[in-house]
């Protein structure tokens, strides 16, 4: 339940993610962890959330960072 709430909130605020690169990076890593989860529904929601974040934050994700 906590994972689904986190993924929902993250999917709703792409502007915050664009402005905070380290948080975006952490969110993406966590989404990949959720994609490997065996609990029913978590994988699907993680994939949908990653797709939403990737579409809305594509410039921030593609930027060259040190």
N, C-alpha and C. Protein backbone atom coordinates (compact mmCIF):
# COMPACT_ATOMS: atom_id res chain seq x y z
N UNK A 1 0.83 -1.19 0.00
CA UNK A 1 0.00 0.00 0.00
C UNK A 1 0.87 1.25 0.00
N UNK A 2 1.94 1.22 0.79
CA UNK A 2 2.85 2.37 0.86
C UNK A 2 3.51 2.60 -0.50
N UNK A 3 3.94 1.52 -1.14
CA UNK A 3 4.60 1.64 -2.45
C UNK A 3 3.66 2.26 -3.47
N UNK A 4 2.40 1.85 -3.48
CA UNK A 4 1.46 2.39 -4.46
C UNK A 4 1.19 3.87 -4.19
N UNK A 5 1.14 4.26 -2.93
CA UNK A 5 0.94 5.68 -2.60
C UNK A 5 2.13 6.52 -3.04
N UNK A 6 3.33 6.01 -2.82
CA UNK A 6 4.54 6.72 -3.25
C UNK A 6 4.54 6.88 -4.76
N UNK A 7 4.23 5.80 -5.47
CA UNK A 7 4.24 5.86 -6.93
C UNK A 7 3.17 6.83 -7.45
N UNK A 8 2.03 6.87 -6.79
CA UNK A 8 0.97 7.81 -7.20
C UNK A 8 1.44 9.25 -7.05
N UNK A 9 1.99 9.58 -5.90
CA UNK A 9 2.44 10.95 -5.63
C UNK A 9 3.55 11.34 -6.59
N UNK A 10 4.49 10.44 -6.82
CA UNK A 10 5.61 10.73 -7.73
C UNK A 10 5.10 11.00 -9.14
N UNK A 11 4.10 10.25 -9.57
CA UNK A 11 3.54 10.45 -10.90
C UNK A 11 2.77 11.75 -11.05
N UNK A 12 2.34 12.34 -9.95
CA UNK A 12 1.53 13.55 -10.01
C UNK A 12 2.34 14.84 -10.02
N UNK A 13 3.63 14.78 -9.66
CA UNK A 13 4.42 16.01 -9.51
C UNK A 13 5.71 15.99 -10.34
N UNK A 14 5.58 15.94 -11.66
CA UNK A 14 6.79 15.90 -12.50
C UNK A 14 7.61 17.19 -12.42
N UNK A 15 6.97 18.32 -12.15
CA UNK A 15 7.70 19.59 -12.09
C UNK A 15 8.71 19.57 -10.93
N UNK A 16 8.31 18.98 -9.81
CA UNK A 16 9.21 18.85 -8.67
C UNK A 16 10.39 17.94 -9.04
N UNK A 17 10.09 16.85 -9.73
CA UNK A 17 11.15 15.91 -10.12
C UNK A 17 12.14 16.56 -11.08
N UNK A 18 11.62 17.37 -12.01
CA UNK A 18 12.50 18.06 -12.96
C UNK A 18 13.45 19.01 -12.25
N UNK A 19 12.98 19.63 -11.18
CA UNK A 19 13.78 20.62 -10.46
C UNK A 19 14.76 20.00 -9.47
N UNK A 20 14.57 18.73 -9.13
CA UNK A 20 15.42 18.07 -8.13
C UNK A 20 15.97 16.77 -8.70
N UNK A 21 17.12 16.88 -9.36
CA UNK A 21 17.71 15.75 -10.07
C UNK A 21 18.00 14.56 -9.16
N UNK A 22 18.56 14.80 -7.98
CA UNK A 22 18.92 13.68 -7.10
C UNK A 22 17.68 12.91 -6.65
N UNK A 23 16.60 13.62 -6.41
CA UNK A 23 15.36 12.95 -6.02
C UNK A 23 14.79 12.16 -7.19
N UNK A 24 14.86 12.72 -8.39
CA UNK A 24 14.41 12.00 -9.59
C UNK A 24 15.20 10.72 -9.77
N UNK A 25 16.50 10.81 -9.58
CA UNK A 25 17.37 9.64 -9.70
C UNK A 25 16.98 8.57 -8.68
N UNK A 26 16.75 8.98 -7.46
CA UNK A 26 16.35 8.04 -6.41
C UNK A 26 15.00 7.40 -6.73
N UNK A 27 14.08 8.19 -7.24
CA UNK A 27 12.76 7.67 -7.60
C UNK A 27 12.87 6.63 -8.70
N UNK A 28 13.68 6.90 -9.71
CA UNK A 28 13.84 5.96 -10.82
C UNK A 28 14.46 4.65 -10.32
N UNK A 29 15.48 4.74 -9.47
CA UNK A 29 16.08 3.53 -8.90
C UNK A 29 15.04 2.74 -8.10
N UNK A 30 14.23 3.44 -7.34
CA UNK A 30 13.21 2.77 -6.52
C UNK A 30 12.15 2.13 -7.41
N UNK A 31 11.79 2.79 -8.50
CA UNK A 31 10.82 2.20 -9.42
C UNK A 31 11.35 0.91 -10.01
N UNK A 32 12.65 0.87 -10.33
CA UNK A 32 13.23 -0.36 -10.85
C UNK A 32 13.22 -1.46 -9.79
N UNK A 33 13.41 -1.10 -8.53
CA UNK A 33 13.29 -2.08 -7.45
C UNK A 33 11.86 -2.63 -7.39
N UNK A 34 10.89 -1.73 -7.50
CA UNK A 34 9.49 -2.16 -7.46
C UNK A 34 9.15 -3.04 -8.66
N UNK A 35 9.81 -2.84 -9.78
CA UNK A 35 9.55 -3.66 -10.96
C UNK A 35 9.97 -5.11 -10.73
N UNK A 36 10.88 -5.34 -9.80
CA UNK A 36 11.33 -6.70 -9.49
C UNK A 36 10.56 -7.31 -8.32
N UNK A 37 9.61 -6.57 -7.79
CA UNK A 37 8.82 -7.03 -6.64
C UNK A 37 7.86 -8.14 -7.08
N UNK A 38 7.60 -9.09 -6.19
CA UNK A 38 6.71 -10.20 -6.53
C UNK A 38 5.28 -9.97 -6.04
N UNK A 39 5.07 -8.95 -5.25
CA UNK A 39 3.73 -8.65 -4.74
C UNK A 39 2.82 -8.27 -5.90
N UNK A 40 1.60 -8.83 -5.97
CA UNK A 40 0.73 -8.58 -7.12
C UNK A 40 0.37 -7.10 -7.30
N UNK A 41 0.48 -6.64 -8.53
CA UNK A 41 0.10 -5.27 -8.86
C UNK A 41 1.21 -4.25 -8.74
N UNK A 42 2.23 -4.54 -7.95
CA UNK A 42 3.31 -3.58 -7.73
C UNK A 42 4.12 -3.41 -9.01
N UNK A 43 4.42 -4.51 -9.69
CA UNK A 43 5.19 -4.44 -10.94
C UNK A 43 4.47 -3.60 -11.98
N UNK A 44 3.19 -3.84 -12.15
CA UNK A 44 2.41 -3.09 -13.15
C UNK A 44 2.39 -1.60 -12.83
N UNK A 45 2.14 -1.28 -11.58
CA UNK A 45 2.08 0.13 -11.19
C UNK A 45 3.44 0.79 -11.33
N UNK A 46 4.51 0.06 -11.03
CA UNK A 46 5.86 0.61 -11.17
C UNK A 46 6.16 0.91 -12.64
N UNK A 47 5.78 0.00 -13.52
CA UNK A 47 6.00 0.22 -14.96
C UNK A 47 5.20 1.41 -15.47
N UNK A 48 3.95 1.50 -15.05
CA UNK A 48 3.11 2.62 -15.48
C UNK A 48 3.64 3.95 -14.95
N UNK A 49 4.10 3.94 -13.70
CA UNK A 49 4.65 5.17 -13.11
C UNK A 49 5.94 5.56 -13.79
N UNK A 50 6.80 4.58 -14.08
CA UNK A 50 8.06 4.89 -14.77
C UNK A 50 7.77 5.48 -16.14
N UNK A 51 6.82 4.92 -16.85
CA UNK A 51 6.46 5.44 -18.16
C UNK A 51 5.98 6.89 -18.05
N UNK A 52 5.14 7.16 -17.06
CA UNK A 52 4.62 8.52 -16.85
C UNK A 52 5.75 9.49 -16.52
N UNK A 53 6.65 9.08 -15.61
CA UNK A 53 7.78 9.94 -15.22
C UNK A 53 8.71 10.16 -16.40
N UNK A 54 8.99 9.10 -17.15
CA UNK A 54 9.90 9.21 -18.29
C UNK A 54 9.33 10.14 -19.37
N UNK A 55 8.04 10.09 -19.58
CA UNK A 55 7.42 10.95 -20.59
C UNK A 55 7.41 12.41 -20.15
N UNK A 56 7.16 12.65 -18.86
CA UNK A 56 7.05 14.03 -18.38
C UNK A 56 8.40 14.65 -18.04
N UNK A 57 9.40 13.84 -17.75
CA UNK A 57 10.71 14.35 -17.32
C UNK A 57 11.82 13.94 -18.28
N UNK A 58 11.49 13.75 -19.54
CA UNK A 58 12.48 13.23 -20.49
C UNK A 58 13.72 14.11 -20.61
N UNK A 59 13.54 15.42 -20.60
CA UNK A 59 14.70 16.32 -20.71
C UNK A 59 15.61 16.19 -19.49
N UNK A 60 15.02 16.13 -18.31
CA UNK A 60 15.81 16.02 -17.08
C UNK A 60 16.53 14.69 -17.01
N UNK A 61 15.91 13.63 -17.49
CA UNK A 61 16.53 12.31 -17.44
C UNK A 61 17.64 12.17 -18.48
N UNK A 62 17.51 12.86 -19.60
CA UNK A 62 18.49 12.74 -20.67
C UNK A 62 19.67 13.69 -20.51
N UNK A 63 19.57 14.64 -19.60
CA UNK A 63 20.64 15.64 -19.42
C UNK A 63 21.91 14.98 -18.90
N UNK A 64 23.03 15.51 -19.35
CA UNK A 64 24.34 15.03 -18.90
C UNK A 64 24.61 15.55 -17.50
N UNK A 65 24.87 14.66 -16.58
CA UNK A 65 25.15 15.05 -15.19
C UNK A 65 26.48 14.47 -14.76
N UNK A 66 27.21 15.20 -13.92
CA UNK A 66 28.50 14.66 -13.42
C UNK A 66 28.29 13.57 -12.39
